[in-house]
Amino acid sequence: MFRTTHDEEPDETPIEATARQYARVGWSVTSRSPNRITMMRGDRTARITAAPDGTITVEGAELKPFEVTGRQQAWLLLLVMLIAAFAVAWSIGWLR
């Protein structure tokens, strides 16, 4: 998708330059190691991998259905806990 160009910083590795180009258009880093960076934007992930010979590979994928439903369940649980906290606070008179 993106190519590393001559606008790299002097001490920047090719994998960091590729990740920086993705970050410029809104991707955020979720995990990083010396030869692999995983980035996310919305419901898409991109895995940037550097091979020992210096080639950079970018693989993209949609989130798996269980990851999306897991997010929904986490938000629902948070909402339920927030409502329960307000109900308890109301019942003991903190919000009256």
PDB file of N, CA and C in Angstrom:
ATOM      1  N   MET A   1       0.820  -1.179   0.000  1.00  0.00           N
ATOM      2  CA  MET A   1       0.000   0.000   0.000  1.00  0.00           C
ATOM      3  C   MET A   1       0.873   1.256   0.000  1.00  0.00           C
ATOM      4  N   PHE A   2       1.776   1.373   0.960  1.00  0.00           N
ATOM      5  CA  PHE A   2       2.685   2.510   1.020  1.00  0.00           C
ATOM      6  C   PHE A   2       4.094   2.029   0.748  1.00  0.00           C
ATOM      7  N   ARG A   3       4.892   2.883   0.185  1.00  0.00           N
ATOM      8  CA  ARG A   3       6.286   2.557  -0.046  1.00  0.00           C
ATOM      9  C   ARG A   3       7.149   3.465   0.792  1.00  0.00           C
ATOM     10  N   THR A   4       8.244   2.920   1.268  1.00  0.00           N
ATOM     11  CA  THR A   4       9.192   3.735   1.998  1.00  0.00           C
ATOM     12  C   THR A   4       9.922   4.611   0.997  1.00  0.00           C
ATOM     13  N   THR A   5       9.951   5.899   1.254  1.00  0.00           N
ATOM     14  CA  THR A   5      10.579   6.824   0.320  1.00  0.00           C
ATOM     15  C   THR A   5      11.795   7.464   0.962  1.00  0.00           C
ATOM     16  N   HIS A   6      12.370   8.433   0.281  1.00  0.00           N
ATOM     17  CA  HIS A   6      13.574   9.095   0.746  1.00  0.00           C
ATOM     18  C   HIS A   6      13.325  10.073   1.893  1.00  0.00           C
ATOM     19  N   ASP A   7      12.076  10.186   2.407  1.00  0.00           N
ATOM     20  CA  ASP A   7      11.797  11.098   3.511  1.00  0.00           C
ATOM     21  C   ASP A   7      12.000  10.444   4.882  1.00  0.00           C
ATOM     22  N   GLU A   8      12.711   9.305   4.936  1.00  0.00           N
ATOM     23  CA  GLU A   8      12.998   8.639   6.198  1.00  0.00           C
ATOM     24  C   GLU A   8      13.942   9.487   7.047  1.00  0.00           C
ATOM     25  N   GLU A   9      13.819   9.302   8.341  1.00  0.00           N
ATOM     26  CA  GLU A   9      14.775   9.932   9.233  1.00  0.00           C
ATOM     27  C   GLU A   9      16.045   9.091   9.205  1.00  0.00           C
ATOM     28  N   PRO A  10      17.219   9.662   9.469  1.00  0.00           N
ATOM     29  CA  PRO A  10      18.485   8.945   9.312  1.00  0.00           C
ATOM     30  C   PRO A  10      18.604   7.649  10.136  1.00  0.00           C
ATOM     31  N   ASP A  11      18.135   7.648  11.387  1.00  0.00           N
ATOM     32  CA  ASP A  11      18.285   6.464  12.245  1.00  0.00           C
ATOM     33  C   ASP A  11      17.049   5.576  12.235  1.00  0.00           C
ATOM     34  N   GLU A  12      16.141   5.777  11.313  1.00  0.00           N
ATOM     35  CA  GLU A  12      14.894   5.036  11.277  1.00  0.00           C
ATOM     36  C   GLU A  12      15.042   3.773  10.437  1.00  0.00           C
ATOM     37  N   THR A  13      14.561   2.655  10.976  1.00  0.00           N
ATOM     38  CA  THR A  13      14.594   1.403  10.222  1.00  0.00           C
ATOM     39  C   THR A  13      13.470   1.409   9.189  1.00  0.00           C
ATOM     40  N   PRO A  14      13.572   0.585   8.158  1.00  0.00           N
ATOM     41  CA  PRO A  14      12.509   0.544   7.140  1.00  0.00           C
ATOM     42  C   PRO A  14      11.137   0.191   7.721  1.00  0.00           C
ATOM     43  N   ILE A  15      11.098  -0.695   8.724  1.00  0.00           N
ATOM     44  CA  ILE A  15       9.798  -1.054   9.311  1.00  0.00           C
ATOM     45  C   ILE A  15       9.202   0.138  10.064  1.00  0.00           C
ATOM     46  N   GLU A  16      10.046   0.923  10.727  1.00  0.00           N
ATOM     47  CA  GLU A  16       9.549   2.114  11.427  1.00  0.00           C
ATOM     48  C   GLU A  16       9.067   3.166  10.429  1.00  0.00           C
ATOM     49  N   ALA A  17       9.751   3.300   9.314  1.00  0.00           N
ATOM     50  CA  ALA A  17       9.329   4.254   8.289  1.00  0.00           C
ATOM     51  C   ALA A  17       7.974   3.865   7.708  1.00  0.00           C
ATOM     52  N   THR A  18       7.774   2.574   7.467  1.00  0.00           N
ATOM     53  CA  THR A  18       6.489   2.099   6.953  1.00  0.00           C
ATOM     54  C   THR A  18       5.386   2.351   7.973  1.00  0.00           C
ATOM     55  N   ALA A  19       5.662   2.046   9.248  1.00  0.00           N
ATOM     56  CA  ALA A  19       4.666   2.273  10.298  1.00  0.00           C
ATOM     57  C   ALA A  19       4.351   3.761  10.433  1.00  0.00           C
ATOM     58  N   ARG A  20       5.339   4.608  10.274  1.00  0.00           N
ATOM     59  CA  ARG A  20       5.123   6.056  10.372  1.00  0.00           C
ATOM     60  C   ARG A  20       4.197   6.523   9.255  1.00  0.00           C
ATOM     61  N   GLN A  21       4.360   5.956   8.064  1.00  0.00           N
ATOM     62  CA  GLN A  21       3.475   6.327   6.951  1.00  0.00           C
ATOM     63  C   GLN A  21       2.033   5.912   7.237  1.00  0.00           C
ATOM     64  N   TYR A  22       1.837   4.742   7.841  1.00  0.00           N
ATOM     65  CA  TYR A  22       0.495   4.321   8.223  1.00  0.00           C
ATOM     66  C   TYR A  22      -0.056   5.236   9.314  1.00  0.00           C
ATOM     67  N   ALA A  23       0.776   5.611  10.275  1.00  0.00           N
ATOM     68  CA  ALA A  23       0.339   6.472  11.374  1.00  0.00           C
ATOM     69  C   ALA A  23      -0.105   7.839  10.858  1.00  0.00           C
ATOM     70  N   ARG A  24       0.513   8.312   9.802  1.00  0.00           N
ATOM     71  CA  ARG A  24       0.135   9.614   9.230  1.00  0.00           C
ATOM     72  C   ARG A  24      -1.305   9.640   8.738  1.00  0.00           C
ATOM     73  N   VAL A  25      -1.832   8.499   8.326  1.00  0.00           N
ATOM     74  CA  VAL A  25      -3.197   8.455   7.794  1.00  0.00           C
ATOM     75  C   VAL A  25      -4.196   7.878   8.796  1.00  0.00           C
ATOM     76  N   GLY A  26      -3.809   7.831  10.076  1.00  0.00           N
ATOM     77  CA  GLY A  26      -4.778   7.489  11.113  1.00  0.00           C
ATOM     78  C   GLY A  26      -4.669   6.123  11.746  1.00  0.00           C
ATOM     79  N   TRP A  27      -3.685   5.331  11.391  1.00  0.00           N
ATOM     80  CA  TRP A  27      -3.517   4.024  12.026  1.00  0.00           C
ATOM     81  C   TRP A  27      -2.809   4.209  13.362  1.00  0.00           C
ATOM     82  N   SER A  28      -3.132   3.365  14.342  1.00  0.00           N
ATOM     83  CA  SER A  28      -2.460   3.438  15.637  1.00  0.00           C
ATOM     84  C   SER A  28      -1.764   2.105  15.931  1.00  0.00           C
ATOM     85  N   VAL A  29      -0.616   2.197  16.584  1.00  0.00           N
ATOM     86  CA  VAL A  29       0.187   1.015  16.898  1.00  0.00           C
ATOM     87  C   VAL A  29      -0.442   0.292  18.083  1.00  0.00           C
ATOM     88  N   THR A  30      -0.679  -1.018  17.937  1.00  0.00           N
ATOM     89  CA  THR A  30      -1.217  -1.806  19.042  1.00  0.00           C
ATOM     90  C   THR A  30      -0.165  -2.716  19.663  1.00  0.00           C
ATOM     91  N   SER A  31       0.824  -3.121  18.882  1.00  0.00           N
ATOM     92  CA  SER A  31       1.942  -3.894  19.444  1.00  0.00           C
ATOM     93  C   SER A  31       3.170  -3.667  18.567  1.00  0.00           C
ATOM     94  N   ARG A  32       4.319  -3.791  19.211  1.00  0.00           N
ATOM     95  CA  ARG A  32       5.569  -3.510  18.506  1.00  0.00           C
ATOM     96  C   ARG A  32       6.656  -4.456  19.007  1.00  0.00           C
ATOM     97  N   SER A  33       7.434  -4.972  18.086  1.00  0.00           N
ATOM     98  CA  SER A  33       8.641  -5.733  18.394  1.00  0.00           C
ATOM     99  C   SER A  33       9.679  -5.311  17.354  1.00  0.00           C
ATOM    100  N   PRO A  34      10.929  -5.721  17.511  1.00  0.00           N
ATOM    101  CA  PRO A  34      11.953  -5.265  16.558  1.00  0.00           C
ATOM    102  C   PRO A  34      11.673  -5.604  15.091  1.00  0.00           C
ATOM    103  N   ASN A  35      10.966  -6.703  14.830  1.00  0.00           N
ATOM    104  CA  ASN A  35      10.738  -7.076  13.427  1.00  0.00           C
ATOM    105  C   ASN A  35       9.264  -7.176  13.051  1.00  0.00           C
ATOM    106  N   ARG A  36       8.357  -6.734  13.942  1.00  0.00           N
ATOM    107  CA  ARG A  36       6.926  -6.799  13.633  1.00  0.00           C
ATOM    108  C   ARG A  36       6.180  -5.679  14.350  1.00  0.00           C
ATOM    109  N   ILE A  37       5.308  -5.005  13.621  1.00  0.00           N
ATOM    110  CA  ILE A  37       4.465  -3.959  14.186  1.00  0.00           C
ATOM    111  C   ILE A  37       3.031  -4.254  13.770  1.00  0.00           C
ATOM    112  N   THR A  38       2.122  -4.236  14.732  1.00  0.00           N
ATOM    113  CA  THR A  38       0.709  -4.423  14.447  1.00  0.00           C
ATOM    114  C   THR A  38       0.012  -3.086  14.658  1.00  0.00           C
ATOM    115  N   MET A  39      -0.776  -2.681  13.660  1.00  0.00           N
ATOM    116  CA  MET A  39      -1.476  -1.402  13.722  1.00  0.00           C
ATOM    117  C   MET A  39      -2.957  -1.635  13.492  1.00  0.00           C
ATOM    118  N   MET A  40      -3.778  -0.708  13.989  1.00  0.00           N
ATOM    119  CA  MET A  40      -5.221  -0.860  13.881  1.00  0.00           C
ATOM    120  C   MET A  40      -5.853   0.480  13.502  1.00  0.00           C
ATOM    121  N   ARG A  41      -6.888   0.371  12.698  1.00  0.00           N
ATOM    122  CA  ARG A  41      -7.686   1.545  12.325  1.00  0.00           C
ATOM    123  C   ARG A  41      -9.119   1.071  12.135  1.00  0.00           C
ATOM    124  N   GLY A  42      -9.995   1.493  13.026  1.00  0.00           N
ATOM    125  CA  GLY A  42     -11.389   1.040  12.964  1.00  0.00           C
ATOM    126  C   GLY A  42     -11.456  -0.459  13.200  1.00  0.00           C
ATOM    127  N   ASP A  43     -12.034  -1.175  12.260  1.00  0.00           N
ATOM    128  CA  ASP A  43     -12.161  -2.633  12.360  1.00  0.00           C
ATOM    129  C   ASP A  43     -11.145  -3.362  11.495  1.00  0.00           C
ATOM    130  N   ARG A  44     -10.068  -2.686  11.123  1.00  0.00           N
ATOM    131  CA  ARG A  44      -9.029  -3.308  10.293  1.00  0.00           C
ATOM    132  C   ARG A  44      -7.713  -3.345  11.040  1.00  0.00           C
ATOM    133  N   THR A  45      -6.949  -4.399  10.809  1.00  0.00           N
ATOM    134  CA  THR A  45      -5.614  -4.507  11.372  1.00  0.00           C
ATOM    135  C   THR A  45      -4.612  -4.633  10.245  1.00  0.00           C
ATOM    136  N   ALA A  46      -3.407  -4.158  10.498  1.00  0.00           N
ATOM    137  CA  ALA A  46      -2.308  -4.298   9.544  1.00  0.00           C
ATOM    138  C   ALA A  46      -1.096  -4.808  10.305  1.00  0.00           C
ATOM    139  N   ARG A  47      -0.491  -5.866   9.801  1.00  0.00           N
ATOM    140  CA  ARG A  47       0.718  -6.418  10.404  1.00  0.00           C
ATOM    141  C   ARG A  47       1.885  -6.129   9.476  1.00  0.00           C
ATOM    142  N   ILE A  48       2.826  -5.342   9.971  1.00  0.00           N
ATOM    143  CA  ILE A  48       4.003  -4.978   9.187  1.00  0.00           C
ATOM    144  C   ILE A  48       5.152  -5.819   9.708  1.00  0.00           C
ATOM    145  N   THR A  49       5.761  -6.609   8.827  1.00  0.00           N
ATOM    146  CA  THR A  49       6.816  -7.535   9.221  1.00  0.00           C
ATOM    147  C   THR A  49       8.072  -7.245   8.417  1.00  0.00           C
ATOM    148  N   ALA A  50       9.222  -7.277   9.100  1.00  0.00           N
ATOM    149  CA  ALA A  50      10.509  -7.110   8.438  1.00  0.00           C
ATOM    150  C   ALA A  50      11.225  -8.458   8.417  1.00  0.00           C
ATOM    151  N   ALA A  51      11.563  -8.919   7.234  1.00  0.00           N
ATOM    152  CA  ALA A  51      12.296 -10.176   7.089  1.00  0.00           C
ATOM    153  C   ALA A  51      13.790  -9.915   7.336  1.00  0.00           C
ATOM    154  N   PRO A  52      14.562 -10.953   7.645  1.00  0.00           N
ATOM    155  CA  PRO A  52      16.002 -10.774   7.870  1.00  0.00           C
ATOM    156  C   PRO A  52      16.740 -10.174   6.670  1.00  0.00           C
ATOM    157  N   ASP A  53      16.233 -10.396   5.464  1.00  0.00           N
ATOM    158  CA  ASP A  53      16.901  -9.835   4.282  1.00  0.00           C
ATOM    159  C   ASP A  53      16.521  -8.373   4.029  1.00  0.00           C
ATOM    160  N   GLY A  54      15.646  -7.812   4.866  1.00  0.00           N
ATOM    161  CA  GLY A  54      15.296  -6.401   4.768  1.00  0.00           C
ATOM    162  C   GLY A  54      13.997  -6.095   4.057  1.00  0.00           C
ATOM    163  N   THR A  55      13.314  -7.119   3.540  1.00  0.00           N
ATOM    164  CA  THR A  55      12.047  -6.864   2.860  1.00  0.00           C
ATOM    165  C   THR A  55      10.944  -6.612   3.892  1.00  0.00           C
ATOM    166  N   ILE A  56      10.042  -5.721   3.542  1.00  0.00           N
ATOM    167  CA  ILE A  56       8.930  -5.360   4.411  1.00  0.00           C
ATOM    168  C   ILE A  56       7.650  -5.942   3.829  1.00  0.00           C
ATOM    169  N   THR A  57       6.882  -6.651   4.666  1.00  0.00           N
ATOM    170  CA  THR A  57       5.623  -7.237   4.252  1.00  0.00           C
ATOM    171  C   THR A  57       4.508  -6.622   5.075  1.00  0.00           C
ATOM    172  N   VAL A  58       3.429  -6.198   4.404  1.00  0.00           N
ATOM    173  CA  VAL A  58       2.265  -5.640   5.082  1.00  0.00           C
ATOM    174  C   VAL A  58       1.078  -6.537   4.781  1.00  0.00           C
ATOM    175  N   GLU A  59       0.471  -7.092   5.837  1.00  0.00           N
ATOM    176  CA  GLU A  59      -0.715  -7.932   5.694  1.00  0.00           C
ATOM    177  C   GLU A  59      -1.860  -7.248   6.413  1.00  0.00           C
ATOM    178  N   GLY A  60      -3.008  -7.165   5.765  1.00  0.00           N
ATOM    179  CA  GLY A  60      -4.171  -6.529   6.372  1.00  0.00           C
ATOM    180  C   GLY A  60      -5.312  -7.504   6.508  1.00  0.00           C
ATOM    181  N   ALA A  61      -6.175  -7.252   7.492  1.00  0.00           N
ATOM    182  CA  ALA A  61      -7.326  -8.123   7.693  1.00  0.00           C
ATOM    183  C   ALA A  61      -8.401  -7.380   8.476  1.00  0.00           C
ATOM    184  N   GLU A  62      -9.624  -7.850   8.313  1.00  0.00           N
ATOM    185  CA  GLU A  62     -10.731  -7.346   9.123  1.00  0.00           C
ATOM    186  C   GLU A  62     -10.664  -8.016  10.491  1.00  0.00           C
ATOM    187  N   LEU A  63     -11.281  -7.387  11.479  1.00  0.00           N
ATOM    188  CA  LEU A  63     -11.370  -8.037  12.784  1.00  0.00           C
ATOM    189  C   LEU A  63     -12.238  -9.279  12.670  1.00  0.00           C
ATOM    190  N   LYS A  64     -11.911 -10.280  13.461  1.00  0.00           N
ATOM    191  CA  LYS A  64     -12.692 -11.504  13.475  1.00  0.00           C
ATOM    192  C   LYS A  64     -14.027 -11.229  14.184  1.00  0.00           C
ATOM    193  N   PRO A  65     -15.073 -11.963  13.826  1.00  0.00           N
ATOM    194  CA  PRO A  65     -16.382 -11.704  14.440  1.00  0.00           C
ATOM    195  C   PRO A  65     -16.380 -11.773  15.967  1.00  0.00           C
ATOM    196  N   PHE A  66     -15.607 -12.705  16.545  1.00  0.00           N
ATOM    197  CA  PHE A  66     -15.602 -12.792  18.004  1.00  0.00           C
ATOM    198  C   PHE A  66     -14.914 -11.588  18.637  1.00  0.00           C
ATOM    199  N   GLU A  67     -14.002 -10.927  17.911  1.00  0.00           N
ATOM    200  CA  GLU A  67     -13.381  -9.717  18.441  1.00  0.00           C
ATOM    201  C   GLU A  67     -14.369  -8.557  18.444  1.00  0.00           C
ATOM    202  N   VAL A  68     -15.183  -8.467  17.408  1.00  0.00           N
ATOM    203  CA  VAL A  68     -16.180  -7.403  17.335  1.00  0.00           C
ATOM    204  C   VAL A  68     -17.248  -7.622  18.400  1.00  0.00           C
ATOM    205  N   THR A  69     -17.731  -8.855  18.546  1.00  0.00           N
ATOM    206  CA  THR A  69     -18.751  -9.114  19.562  1.00  0.00           C
ATOM    207  C   THR A  69     -18.168  -8.966  20.959  1.00  0.00           C
ATOM    208  N   GLY A  70     -16.891  -9.260  21.121  1.00  0.00           N
ATOM    209  CA  GLY A  70     -16.242  -9.049  22.418  1.00  0.00           C
ATOM    210  C   GLY A  70     -16.217  -7.573  22.787  1.00  0.00           C
ATOM    211  N   ARG A  71     -15.966  -6.725  21.819  1.00  0.00           N
ATOM    212  CA  ARG A  71     -16.024  -5.276  22.068  1.00  0.00           C
ATOM    213  C   ARG A  71     -17.421  -4.856  22.477  1.00  0.00           C
ATOM    214  N   GLN A  72     -18.412  -5.359  21.765  1.00  0.00           N
ATOM    215  CA  GLN A  72     -19.793  -5.005  22.077  1.00  0.00           C
ATOM    216  C   GLN A  72     -20.166  -5.481  23.477  1.00  0.00           C
ATOM    217  N   GLN A  73     -19.745  -6.670  23.837  1.00  0.00           N
ATOM    218  CA  GLN A  73     -20.043  -7.188  25.168  1.00  0.00           C
ATOM    219  C   GLN A  73     -19.350  -6.365  26.247  1.00  0.00           C
ATOM    220  N   ALA A  74     -18.124  -5.924  25.991  1.00  0.00           N
ATOM    221  CA  ALA A  74     -17.404  -5.104  26.959  1.00  0.00           C
ATOM    222  C   ALA A  74     -18.107  -3.761  27.163  1.00  0.00           C
ATOM    223  N   TRP A  75     -18.565  -3.124  26.084  1.00  0.00           N
ATOM    224  CA  TRP A  75     -19.291  -1.859  26.212  1.00  0.00           C
ATOM    225  C   TRP A  75     -20.608  -2.062  26.945  1.00  0.00           C
ATOM    226  N   LEU A  76     -21.314  -3.141  26.656  1.00  0.00           N
ATOM    227  CA  LEU A  76     -22.571  -3.428  27.335  1.00  0.00           C
ATOM    228  C   LEU A  76     -22.343  -3.652  28.827  1.00  0.00           C
ATOM    229  N   LEU A  77     -21.312  -4.409  29.168  1.00  0.00           N
ATOM    230  CA  LEU A  77     -20.985  -4.652  30.576  1.00  0.00           C
ATOM    231  C   LEU A  77     -20.627  -3.342  31.278  1.00  0.00           C
ATOM    232  N   LEU A  78     -19.873  -2.488  30.632  1.00  0.00           N
ATOM    233  CA  LEU A  78     -19.528  -1.193  31.205  1.00  0.00           C
ATOM    234  C   LEU A  78     -20.778  -0.355  31.460  1.00  0.00           C
ATOM    235  N   LEU A  79     -21.699  -0.335  30.501  1.00  0.00           N
ATOM    236  CA  LEU A  79     -22.938   0.417  30.653  1.00  0.00           C
ATOM    237  C   LEU A  79     -23.778  -0.126  31.807  1.00  0.00           C
ATOM    238  N   VAL A  80     -23.909  -1.437  31.907  1.00  0.00           N
ATOM    239  CA  VAL A  80     -24.675  -2.054  32.989  1.00  0.00           C
ATOM    240  C   VAL A  80     -24.054  -1.732  34.340  1.00  0.00           C
ATOM    241  N   MET A  81     -22.730  -1.799  34.432  1.00  0.00           N
ATOM    242  CA  MET A  81     -22.064  -1.492  35.708  1.00  0.00           C
ATOM    243  C   MET A  81     -22.241  -0.021  36.085  1.00  0.00           C
ATOM    244  N   LEU A  82     -22.214   0.864  35.106  1.00  0.00           N
ATOM    245  CA  LEU A  82     -22.419   2.287  35.363  1.00  0.00           C
ATOM    246  C   LEU A  82     -23.836   2.551  35.865  1.00  0.00           C
ATOM    247  N   ILE A  83     -24.811   1.935  35.243  1.00  0.00           N
ATOM    248  CA  ILE A  83     -26.205   2.084  35.691  1.00  0.00           C
ATOM    249  C   ILE A  83     -26.360   1.530  37.096  1.00  0.00           C
ATOM    250  N   ALA A  84     -25.752   0.382  37.380  1.00  0.00           N
ATOM    251  CA  ALA A  84     -25.832  -0.202  38.719  1.00  0.00           C
ATOM    252  C   ALA A  84     -25.171   0.705  39.752  1.00  0.00           C
ATOM    253  N   ALA A  85     -24.053   1.318  39.407  1.00  0.00           N
ATOM    254  CA  ALA A  85     -23.378   2.223  40.341  1.00  0.00           C
ATOM    255  C   ALA A  85     -24.255   3.438  40.642  1.00  0.00           C
ATOM    256  N   PHE A  86     -24.902   3.995  39.630  1.00  0.00           N
ATOM    257  CA  PHE A  86     -25.802   5.122  39.865  1.00  0.00           C
ATOM    258  C   PHE A  86     -27.012   4.702  40.696  1.00  0.00           C
ATOM    259  N   ALA A  87     -27.525   3.498  40.443  1.00  0.00           N
ATOM    260  CA  ALA A  87     -28.672   3.016  41.220  1.00  0.00           C
ATOM    261  C   ALA A  87     -28.298   2.852  42.690  1.00  0.00           C
ATOM    262  N   VAL A  88     -27.138   2.308  42.967  1.00  0.00           N
ATOM    263  CA  VAL A  88     -26.687   2.140  44.356  1.00  0.00           C
ATOM    264  C   VAL A  88     -26.474   3.508  45.002  1.00  0.00           C
ATOM    265  N   ALA A  89     -25.836   4.420  44.278  1.00  0.00           N
ATOM    266  CA  ALA A  89     -25.605   5.765  44.820  1.00  0.00           C
ATOM    267  C   ALA A  89     -26.917   6.477  45.093  1.00  0.00           C
ATOM    268  N   TRP A  90     -27.893   6.301  44.231  1.00  0.00           N
ATOM    269  CA  TRP A  90     -29.206   6.923  44.431  1.00  0.00           C
ATOM    270  C   TRP A  90     -29.901   6.316  45.650  1.00  0.00           C
ATOM    271  N   SER A  91     -29.804   4.992  45.776  1.00  0.00           N
ATOM    272  CA  SER A  91     -30.524   4.320  46.873  1.00  0.00           C
ATOM    273  C   SER A  91     -29.968   4.667  48.246  1.00  0.00           C
ATOM    274  N   ILE A  92     -28.675   4.976  48.331  1.00  0.00           N
ATOM    275  CA  ILE A  92     -28.129   5.339  49.655  1.00  0.00           C
ATOM    276  C   ILE A  92     -28.101   6.848  49.857  1.00  0.00           C
ATOM    277  N   GLY A  93     -28.659   7.586  48.911  1.00  0.00           N
ATOM    278  CA  GLY A  93     -28.836   9.009  49.105  1.00  0.00           C
ATOM    279  C   GLY A  93     -27.719   9.919  48.649  1.00  0.00           C
ATOM    280  N   TRP A  94     -26.754   9.433  47.933  1.00  0.00           N
ATOM    281  CA  TRP A  94     -25.643  10.280  47.486  1.00  0.00           C
ATOM    282  C   TRP A  94     -26.038  11.187  46.324  1.00  0.00           C
ATOM    283  N   LEU A  95     -27.061  10.828  45.572  1.00  0.00           N
ATOM    284  CA  LEU A  95     -27.447  11.607  44.399  1.00  0.00           C
ATOM    285  C   LEU A  95     -28.764  12.358  44.597  1.00  0.00           C
ATOM    286  N   ARG A  96     -29.271  12.423  45.808  1.00  0.00           N
ATOM    287  CA  ARG A  96     -30.533  13.119  46.048  1.00  0.00           C
ATOM    288  C   ARG A  96     -30.317  14.544  46.402  1.00  0.00           C
TER     289      ARG A  96
END
